[in-house]
Amino acid sequence: MVYKYADSSDADVLIEIYNSAFHDDFIRYGECPAYGRSREDMEQSIQDFPKIIAYEQDKAIGVISYKQEAPGKYYIGCLAVIKDMQGCGIGTQLMNHFMSEHPDWNELTLVTPKDNERNIKFYTGRFGFDIVGEEDDGKVTVLWFKLSR
């Protein structure tokens, strides 16, 4: 797997990844902020949330986006893997790569839908995140996760 930090020239590639990864959420909830973004929105997102794209054999297959909120404290804005590669360990590799690229991390936070058992199991079981809160986000109830070391 090869990793690349995204720049504005990657906006179309990122839109493809997000649309593939979040299509089911869009259908399920009738909304999904990561689905159906315009090129302009994605270019702004790249500025606001640095993104690391994962490639396999020159094909973009996943991305992790984040924002540093304070020294050692990061918010994971998105972890997305194209639909046909989900369940193959790509998300795990992206999280591990992110943590190795940011060895200063001492706290990671993120949100995911409360009814997405696969995501909950991934974050709590594979990485040891704790669920620390719950809130309504539009039509979706989300859980807040935190991992500290």
N, C-alpha and C. Protein backbone atom coordinates (compact mmCIF):
# COMPACT_ATOMS: atom_id res chain seq x y z
N MET A 1 0.85 -1.17 0.00
CA MET A 1 0.00 0.00 0.00
C MET A 1 0.90 1.23 0.00
N VAL A 2 0.48 2.23 -0.78
CA VAL A 2 1.20 3.50 -0.87
C VAL A 2 0.28 4.58 -0.34
N TYR A 3 0.85 5.52 0.42
CA TYR A 3 0.06 6.60 1.02
C TYR A 3 0.52 7.94 0.46
N LYS A 4 -0.44 8.84 0.27
CA LYS A 4 -0.14 10.17 -0.27
C LYS A 4 -0.99 11.20 0.46
N TYR A 5 -0.37 12.30 0.88
CA TYR A 5 -1.13 13.41 1.42
C TYR A 5 -1.85 14.11 0.26
N ALA A 6 -3.12 14.35 0.43
CA ALA A 6 -3.94 14.92 -0.64
C ALA A 6 -3.67 16.41 -0.80
N ASP A 7 -3.80 16.85 -2.05
CA ASP A 7 -3.82 18.28 -2.33
C ASP A 7 -5.03 18.54 -3.23
N SER A 8 -5.25 19.79 -3.62
CA SER A 8 -6.47 20.13 -4.36
C SER A 8 -6.63 19.35 -5.67
N SER A 9 -5.52 18.90 -6.24
CA SER A 9 -5.62 18.12 -7.49
C SER A 9 -6.23 16.73 -7.26
N ASP A 10 -6.36 16.33 -6.00
CA ASP A 10 -6.93 15.03 -5.66
C ASP A 10 -8.43 15.09 -5.38
N ALA A 11 -9.05 16.24 -5.55
CA ALA A 11 -10.46 16.41 -5.17
C ALA A 11 -11.36 15.39 -5.85
N ASP A 12 -11.20 15.17 -7.15
CA ASP A 12 -12.08 14.22 -7.86
C ASP A 12 -11.88 12.79 -7.37
N VAL A 13 -10.64 12.42 -7.10
CA VAL A 13 -10.35 11.08 -6.57
C VAL A 13 -11.02 10.91 -5.21
N LEU A 14 -10.94 11.93 -4.37
CA LEU A 14 -11.54 11.86 -3.04
C LEU A 14 -13.07 11.79 -3.13
N ILE A 15 -13.65 12.53 -4.03
CA ILE A 15 -15.11 12.46 -4.22
C ILE A 15 -15.52 11.04 -4.58
N GLU A 16 -14.76 10.39 -5.45
CA GLU A 16 -15.07 9.00 -5.82
C GLU A 16 -14.99 8.07 -4.61
N ILE A 17 -13.94 8.21 -3.80
CA ILE A 17 -13.81 7.37 -2.60
C ILE A 17 -14.98 7.61 -1.66
N TYR A 18 -15.26 8.87 -1.34
CA TYR A 18 -16.33 9.20 -0.40
C TYR A 18 -17.68 8.70 -0.92
N ASN A 19 -17.97 8.93 -2.21
CA ASN A 19 -19.26 8.50 -2.75
C ASN A 19 -19.41 6.98 -2.70
N SER A 20 -18.34 6.26 -2.97
CA SER A 20 -18.39 4.80 -2.88
C SER A 20 -18.58 4.35 -1.44
N ALA A 21 -17.81 4.93 -0.55
CA ALA A 21 -17.82 4.50 0.86
C ALA A 21 -19.12 4.87 1.57
N PHE A 22 -19.72 6.01 1.22
CA PHE A 22 -20.85 6.53 1.99
C PHE A 22 -22.19 6.47 1.27
N HIS A 23 -22.24 5.80 0.12
CA HIS A 23 -23.50 5.68 -0.60
C HIS A 23 -24.57 5.02 0.26
N ASP A 24 -24.22 3.92 0.91
CA ASP A 24 -25.20 3.20 1.74
C ASP A 24 -25.71 4.07 2.89
N ASP A 25 -24.84 4.89 3.50
CA ASP A 25 -25.28 5.80 4.56
C ASP A 25 -26.25 6.83 4.01
N PHE A 26 -25.96 7.35 2.83
CA PHE A 26 -26.85 8.32 2.21
C PHE A 26 -28.23 7.71 1.97
N ILE A 27 -28.26 6.49 1.44
CA ILE A 27 -29.54 5.79 1.20
C ILE A 27 -30.24 5.52 2.53
N ARG A 28 -29.51 5.09 3.52
CA ARG A 28 -30.09 4.71 4.82
C ARG A 28 -30.69 5.90 5.55
N TYR A 29 -29.94 7.02 5.59
CA TYR A 29 -30.35 8.16 6.41
C TYR A 29 -30.99 9.29 5.60
N GLY A 30 -30.86 9.24 4.28
CA GLY A 30 -31.37 10.32 3.46
C GLY A 30 -30.47 11.53 3.43
N GLU A 31 -29.35 11.43 4.11
CA GLU A 31 -28.34 12.48 4.14
C GLU A 31 -27.03 11.88 4.60
N CYS A 32 -25.96 12.49 4.19
CA CYS A 32 -24.63 12.10 4.64
C CYS A 32 -23.69 13.22 4.20
N PRO A 33 -23.09 13.92 5.16
CA PRO A 33 -22.26 15.07 4.78
C PRO A 33 -21.05 14.70 3.91
N ALA A 34 -20.63 13.45 3.93
CA ALA A 34 -19.47 13.05 3.14
C ALA A 34 -19.85 12.60 1.74
N TYR A 35 -21.13 12.44 1.47
CA TYR A 35 -21.60 11.93 0.18
C TYR A 35 -22.06 13.08 -0.72
N GLY A 36 -21.74 13.00 -2.00
CA GLY A 36 -22.26 13.95 -2.97
C GLY A 36 -21.64 15.33 -2.90
N ARG A 37 -20.42 15.42 -2.43
CA ARG A 37 -19.76 16.72 -2.34
C ARG A 37 -19.39 17.26 -3.73
N SER A 38 -19.43 18.57 -3.83
CA SER A 38 -18.96 19.20 -5.06
C SER A 38 -17.43 19.27 -5.03
N ARG A 39 -16.85 19.54 -6.17
CA ARG A 39 -15.39 19.68 -6.24
C ARG A 39 -14.94 20.83 -5.34
N GLU A 40 -15.68 21.92 -5.36
CA GLU A 40 -15.36 23.09 -4.53
C GLU A 40 -15.40 22.73 -3.05
N ASP A 41 -16.45 22.00 -2.64
CA ASP A 41 -16.55 21.57 -1.23
C ASP A 41 -15.38 20.66 -0.85
N MET A 42 -15.00 19.75 -1.74
CA MET A 42 -13.91 18.84 -1.43
C MET A 42 -12.58 19.60 -1.36
N GLU A 43 -12.38 20.55 -2.25
CA GLU A 43 -11.15 21.34 -2.18
C GLU A 43 -11.05 22.09 -0.86
N GLN A 44 -12.18 22.63 -0.38
CA GLN A 44 -12.19 23.31 0.92
C GLN A 44 -11.94 22.31 2.04
N SER A 45 -12.52 21.13 1.94
CA SER A 45 -12.32 20.09 2.95
C SER A 45 -10.85 19.68 3.03
N ILE A 46 -10.18 19.62 1.89
CA ILE A 46 -8.75 19.28 1.88
C ILE A 46 -7.96 20.34 2.66
N GLN A 47 -8.38 21.60 2.54
CA GLN A 47 -7.70 22.67 3.28
C GLN A 47 -7.98 22.58 4.77
N ASP A 48 -9.23 22.25 5.13
CA ASP A 48 -9.65 22.23 6.54
C ASP A 48 -9.24 20.96 7.27
N PHE A 49 -9.24 19.83 6.56
CA PHE A 49 -8.93 18.53 7.14
C PHE A 49 -7.91 17.83 6.27
N PRO A 50 -6.63 17.85 6.63
CA PRO A 50 -5.65 17.10 5.84
C PRO A 50 -6.11 15.67 5.63
N LYS A 51 -5.77 15.12 4.47
CA LYS A 51 -6.22 13.78 4.10
C LYS A 51 -5.04 12.95 3.61
N ILE A 52 -5.04 11.69 4.01
CA ILE A 52 -4.05 10.73 3.54
C ILE A 52 -4.80 9.70 2.71
N ILE A 53 -4.42 9.60 1.44
CA ILE A 53 -5.07 8.66 0.53
C ILE A 53 -4.24 7.38 0.45
N ALA A 54 -4.93 6.24 0.52
CA ALA A 54 -4.27 4.94 0.37
C ALA A 54 -4.47 4.46 -1.06
N TYR A 55 -3.38 4.00 -1.67
CA TYR A 55 -3.41 3.47 -3.04
C TYR A 55 -2.92 2.03 -3.02
N GLU A 56 -3.57 1.22 -3.84
CA GLU A 56 -3.11 -0.14 -4.08
C GLU A 56 -3.05 -0.32 -5.59
N GLN A 57 -1.86 -0.62 -6.09
CA GLN A 57 -1.65 -0.77 -7.53
C GLN A 57 -2.20 0.44 -8.29
N ASP A 58 -1.82 1.62 -7.84
CA ASP A 58 -2.20 2.90 -8.45
C ASP A 58 -3.69 3.21 -8.41
N LYS A 59 -4.46 2.47 -7.63
CA LYS A 59 -5.89 2.75 -7.48
C LYS A 59 -6.13 3.30 -6.08
N ALA A 60 -6.79 4.45 -6.00
CA ALA A 60 -7.14 5.04 -4.70
C ALA A 60 -8.25 4.19 -4.08
N ILE A 61 -7.99 3.66 -2.88
CA ILE A 61 -8.94 2.74 -2.26
C ILE A 61 -9.45 3.21 -0.90
N GLY A 62 -8.83 4.23 -0.33
CA GLY A 62 -9.28 4.70 0.97
C GLY A 62 -8.65 6.01 1.35
N VAL A 63 -9.18 6.60 2.40
CA VAL A 63 -8.68 7.89 2.87
C VAL A 63 -8.98 8.05 4.36
N ILE A 64 -8.10 8.75 5.04
CA ILE A 64 -8.36 9.18 6.41
C ILE A 64 -8.14 10.68 6.45
N SER A 65 -9.07 11.40 7.06
CA SER A 65 -8.92 12.84 7.21
C SER A 65 -8.90 13.17 8.70
N TYR A 66 -8.27 14.28 9.03
CA TYR A 66 -8.09 14.61 10.43
C TYR A 66 -7.90 16.11 10.60
N LYS A 67 -7.99 16.54 11.84
CA LYS A 67 -7.70 17.92 12.19
C LYS A 67 -6.99 17.90 13.53
N GLN A 68 -5.88 18.60 13.60
CA GLN A 68 -5.17 18.71 14.88
C GLN A 68 -5.84 19.82 15.66
N GLU A 69 -6.38 19.47 16.82
CA GLU A 69 -7.11 20.43 17.64
C GLU A 69 -6.23 21.10 18.68
N ALA A 70 -5.17 20.43 19.07
CA ALA A 70 -4.20 20.92 20.06
C ALA A 70 -3.00 20.01 19.94
N PRO A 71 -1.88 20.36 20.56
CA PRO A 71 -0.72 19.45 20.50
C PRO A 71 -1.10 18.04 20.98
N GLY A 72 -0.90 17.05 20.11
CA GLY A 72 -1.18 15.65 20.44
C GLY A 72 -2.64 15.25 20.38
N LYS A 73 -3.54 16.20 20.11
CA LYS A 73 -4.97 15.92 20.10
C LYS A 73 -5.51 16.05 18.67
N TYR A 74 -6.06 14.95 18.14
CA TYR A 74 -6.54 14.92 16.76
C TYR A 74 -7.99 14.47 16.71
N TYR A 75 -8.74 15.11 15.83
CA TYR A 75 -10.10 14.69 15.51
C TYR A 75 -10.03 13.98 14.16
N ILE A 76 -10.50 12.74 14.11
CA ILE A 76 -10.56 11.98 12.85
C ILE A 76 -11.89 12.34 12.20
N GLY A 77 -11.81 13.08 11.12
CA GLY A 77 -13.03 13.54 10.45
C GLY A 77 -13.67 12.48 9.59
N CYS A 78 -12.86 11.61 9.03
CA CYS A 78 -13.39 10.61 8.13
C CYS A 78 -12.38 9.48 7.95
N LEU A 79 -12.87 8.29 7.95
CA LEU A 79 -12.10 7.11 7.56
C LEU A 79 -12.99 6.39 6.55
N ALA A 80 -12.58 6.40 5.29
CA ALA A 80 -13.43 5.87 4.23
C ALA A 80 -12.64 4.91 3.35
N VAL A 81 -13.29 3.80 3.02
CA VAL A 81 -12.71 2.79 2.13
C VAL A 81 -13.75 2.51 1.05
N ILE A 82 -13.31 2.42 -0.21
CA ILE A 82 -14.27 2.15 -1.28
C ILE A 82 -15.03 0.86 -0.98
N LYS A 83 -16.27 0.83 -1.41
CA LYS A 83 -17.18 -0.25 -1.03
C LYS A 83 -16.62 -1.65 -1.30
N ASP A 84 -16.04 -1.88 -2.47
CA ASP A 84 -15.61 -3.24 -2.80
C ASP A 84 -14.33 -3.65 -2.06
N MET A 85 -13.73 -2.76 -1.28
CA MET A 85 -12.54 -3.10 -0.49
C MET A 85 -12.81 -3.07 1.02
N GLN A 86 -14.04 -2.78 1.41
CA GLN A 86 -14.37 -2.75 2.83
C GLN A 86 -14.30 -4.15 3.41
N GLY A 87 -13.81 -4.24 4.63
CA GLY A 87 -13.66 -5.53 5.29
C GLY A 87 -12.37 -6.24 4.95
N CYS A 88 -11.47 -5.58 4.23
CA CYS A 88 -10.20 -6.19 3.81
C CYS A 88 -9.00 -5.69 4.61
N GLY A 89 -9.24 -4.92 5.66
CA GLY A 89 -8.14 -4.43 6.48
C GLY A 89 -7.59 -3.07 6.08
N ILE A 90 -8.18 -2.43 5.08
CA ILE A 90 -7.68 -1.14 4.61
C ILE A 90 -7.87 -0.07 5.68
N GLY A 91 -9.02 -0.04 6.32
CA GLY A 91 -9.28 0.94 7.38
C GLY A 91 -8.29 0.79 8.53
N THR A 92 -8.00 -0.45 8.90
CA THR A 92 -7.02 -0.71 9.95
C THR A 92 -5.65 -0.19 9.53
N GLN A 93 -5.27 -0.45 8.30
CA GLN A 93 -3.97 0.03 7.81
C GLN A 93 -3.92 1.55 7.78
N LEU A 94 -5.00 2.19 7.38
CA LEU A 94 -5.04 3.65 7.36
C LEU A 94 -4.91 4.22 8.77
N MET A 95 -5.64 3.65 9.73
CA MET A 95 -5.53 4.14 11.13
C MET A 95 -4.12 3.93 11.65
N ASN A 96 -3.56 2.76 11.42
CA ASN A 96 -2.20 2.49 11.89
C ASN A 96 -1.19 3.43 11.23
N HIS A 97 -1.36 3.68 9.94
CA HIS A 97 -0.47 4.61 9.24
C HIS A 97 -0.60 6.02 9.83
N PHE A 98 -1.83 6.45 10.04
CA PHE A 98 -2.04 7.78 10.63
C PHE A 98 -1.32 7.89 11.98
N MET A 99 -1.49 6.89 12.83
CA MET A 99 -0.87 6.94 14.16
C MET A 99 0.65 6.92 14.07
N SER A 100 1.20 6.19 13.11
CA SER A 100 2.66 6.17 12.97
C SER A 100 3.18 7.47 12.37
N GLU A 101 2.38 8.12 11.53
CA GLU A 101 2.76 9.42 10.95
C GLU A 101 2.64 10.56 11.96
N HIS A 102 1.88 10.33 13.02
CA HIS A 102 1.64 11.35 14.05
C HIS A 102 1.98 10.75 15.42
N PRO A 103 3.25 10.46 15.65
CA PRO A 103 3.63 9.80 16.90
C PRO A 103 3.38 10.65 18.14
N ASP A 104 3.08 11.93 17.95
CA ASP A 104 2.78 12.80 19.08
C ASP A 104 1.36 12.62 19.60
N TRP A 105 0.53 11.83 18.92
CA TRP A 105 -0.88 11.75 19.33
C TRP A 105 -0.98 11.20 20.76
N ASN A 106 -1.84 11.82 21.52
CA ASN A 106 -2.18 11.28 22.84
C ASN A 106 -3.68 11.21 23.04
N GLU A 107 -4.44 11.79 22.08
CA GLU A 107 -5.89 11.68 22.13
C GLU A 107 -6.44 11.76 20.71
N LEU A 108 -7.27 10.78 20.37
CA LEU A 108 -7.99 10.76 19.09
C LEU A 108 -9.48 10.75 19.39
N THR A 109 -10.23 11.57 18.68
CA THR A 109 -11.69 11.56 18.81
C THR A 109 -12.31 11.43 17.43
N LEU A 110 -13.54 10.95 17.41
CA LEU A 110 -14.30 10.81 16.16
C LEU A 110 -15.74 10.53 16.49
N VAL A 111 -16.60 10.60 15.46
CA VAL A 111 -18.01 10.24 15.61
C VAL A 111 -18.37 9.22 14.54
N THR A 112 -19.38 8.42 14.86
CA THR A 112 -19.95 7.49 13.88
C THR A 112 -21.41 7.25 14.26
N PRO A 113 -22.26 6.90 13.30
CA PRO A 113 -23.67 6.68 13.61
C PRO A 113 -23.86 5.62 14.70
N LYS A 114 -24.79 5.89 15.59
CA LYS A 114 -25.07 5.00 16.72
C LYS A 114 -25.53 3.62 16.28
N ASP A 115 -26.20 3.54 15.15
CA ASP A 115 -26.71 2.25 14.70
C ASP A 115 -25.76 1.52 13.75
N ASN A 116 -24.54 2.01 13.59
CA ASN A 116 -23.57 1.35 12.72
C ASN A 116 -22.69 0.42 13.55
N GLU A 117 -23.21 -0.78 13.78
CA GLU A 117 -22.52 -1.74 14.65
C GLU A 117 -21.15 -2.12 14.12
N ARG A 118 -21.00 -2.17 12.82
CA ARG A 118 -19.69 -2.53 12.22
C ARG A 118 -18.64 -1.48 12.60
N ASN A 119 -18.98 -0.20 12.48
CA ASN A 119 -18.04 0.85 12.86
C ASN A 119 -17.74 0.83 14.35
N ILE A 120 -18.78 0.65 15.16
CA ILE A 120 -18.60 0.63 16.61
C ILE A 120 -17.65 -0.50 17.00
N LYS A 121 -17.86 -1.68 16.44
CA LYS A 121 -16.98 -2.81 16.72
C LYS A 121 -15.56 -2.53 16.25
N PHE A 122 -15.42 -1.90 15.08
CA PHE A 122 -14.10 -1.56 14.54
C PHE A 122 -13.35 -0.65 15.50
N TYR A 123 -13.97 0.45 15.90
CA TYR A 123 -13.26 1.42 16.74
C TYR A 123 -13.04 0.94 18.17
N THR A 124 -14.02 0.28 18.75
CA THR A 124 -13.86 -0.17 20.13
C THR A 124 -13.06 -1.46 20.22
N GLY A 125 -13.35 -2.40 19.33
CA GLY A 125 -12.70 -3.70 19.39
C GLY A 125 -11.29 -3.73 18.84
N ARG A 126 -11.09 -3.12 17.70
CA ARG A 126 -9.78 -3.17 17.05
C ARG A 126 -8.81 -2.15 17.62
N PHE A 127 -9.33 -0.98 18.01
CA PHE A 127 -8.43 0.08 18.45
C PHE A 127 -8.59 0.50 19.91
N GLY A 128 -9.63 0.04 20.57
CA GLY A 128 -9.79 0.35 21.99
C GLY A 128 -10.39 1.71 22.29
N PHE A 129 -11.07 2.32 21.33
CA PHE A 129 -11.75 3.59 21.60
C PHE A 129 -12.84 3.36 22.64
N ASP A 130 -13.10 4.38 23.44
CA ASP A 130 -14.22 4.39 24.37
C ASP A 130 -15.32 5.27 23.80
N ILE A 131 -16.56 4.90 24.05
CA ILE A 131 -17.70 5.74 23.68
C ILE A 131 -17.87 6.75 24.81
N VAL A 132 -17.81 8.03 24.47
CA VAL A 132 -17.82 9.06 25.51
C VAL A 132 -19.00 10.03 25.40
N GLY A 133 -19.86 9.83 24.42
CA GLY A 133 -21.00 10.73 24.28
C GLY A 133 -21.89 10.34 23.13
N GLU A 134 -23.01 11.02 23.07
CA GLU A 134 -24.02 10.78 22.04
C GLU A 134 -24.71 12.10 21.74
N GLU A 135 -25.02 12.33 20.47
CA GLU A 135 -25.76 13.54 20.10
C GLU A 135 -26.49 13.32 18.79
N ASP A 136 -27.51 14.13 18.57
CA ASP A 136 -28.22 14.10 17.30
C ASP A 136 -27.51 15.01 16.32
N ASP A 137 -27.30 14.49 15.10
CA ASP A 137 -26.66 15.25 14.03
C ASP A 137 -27.58 15.17 12.82
N GLY A 138 -28.49 16.13 12.74
CA GLY A 138 -29.51 16.06 11.68
C GLY A 138 -30.45 14.91 11.97
N LYS A 139 -30.58 14.01 11.00
CA LYS A 139 -31.48 12.85 11.15
C LYS A 139 -30.79 11.66 11.79
N VAL A 140 -29.51 11.82 12.16
CA VAL A 140 -28.71 10.69 12.62
C VAL A 140 -28.24 10.93 14.05
N THR A 141 -28.39 9.91 14.90
CA THR A 141 -27.78 9.97 16.23
C THR A 141 -26.38 9.40 16.11
N VAL A 142 -25.40 10.15 16.56
CA VAL A 142 -24.01 9.72 16.48
C VAL A 142 -23.43 9.51 17.86
N LEU A 143 -22.44 8.64 17.91
CA LEU A 143 -21.68 8.40 19.14
C LEU A 143 -20.32 9.07 19.00
N TRP A 144 -19.86 9.66 20.09
CA TRP A 144 -18.51 10.22 20.16
C TRP A 144 -17.58 9.16 20.73
N PHE A 145 -16.43 9.01 20.12
CA PHE A 145 -15.42 8.05 20.54
C PHE A 145 -14.15 8.79 20.91
N LYS A 146 -13.41 8.22 21.87
CA LYS A 146 -12.13 8.81 22.27
C LYS A 146 -11.15 7.69 22.58
N LEU A 147 -9.92 7.87 22.11
CA LEU A 147 -8.82 6.98 22.42
C LEU A 147 -7.70 7.83 23.00
N SER A 148 -7.27 7.47 24.20
CA SER A 148 -6.18 8.21 24.87
C SER A 148 -5.05 7.26 25.20
N ARG A 149 -3.85 7.82 25.27
CA ARG A 149 -2.73 7.03 25.74
C ARG A 149 -1.83 7.89 26.61
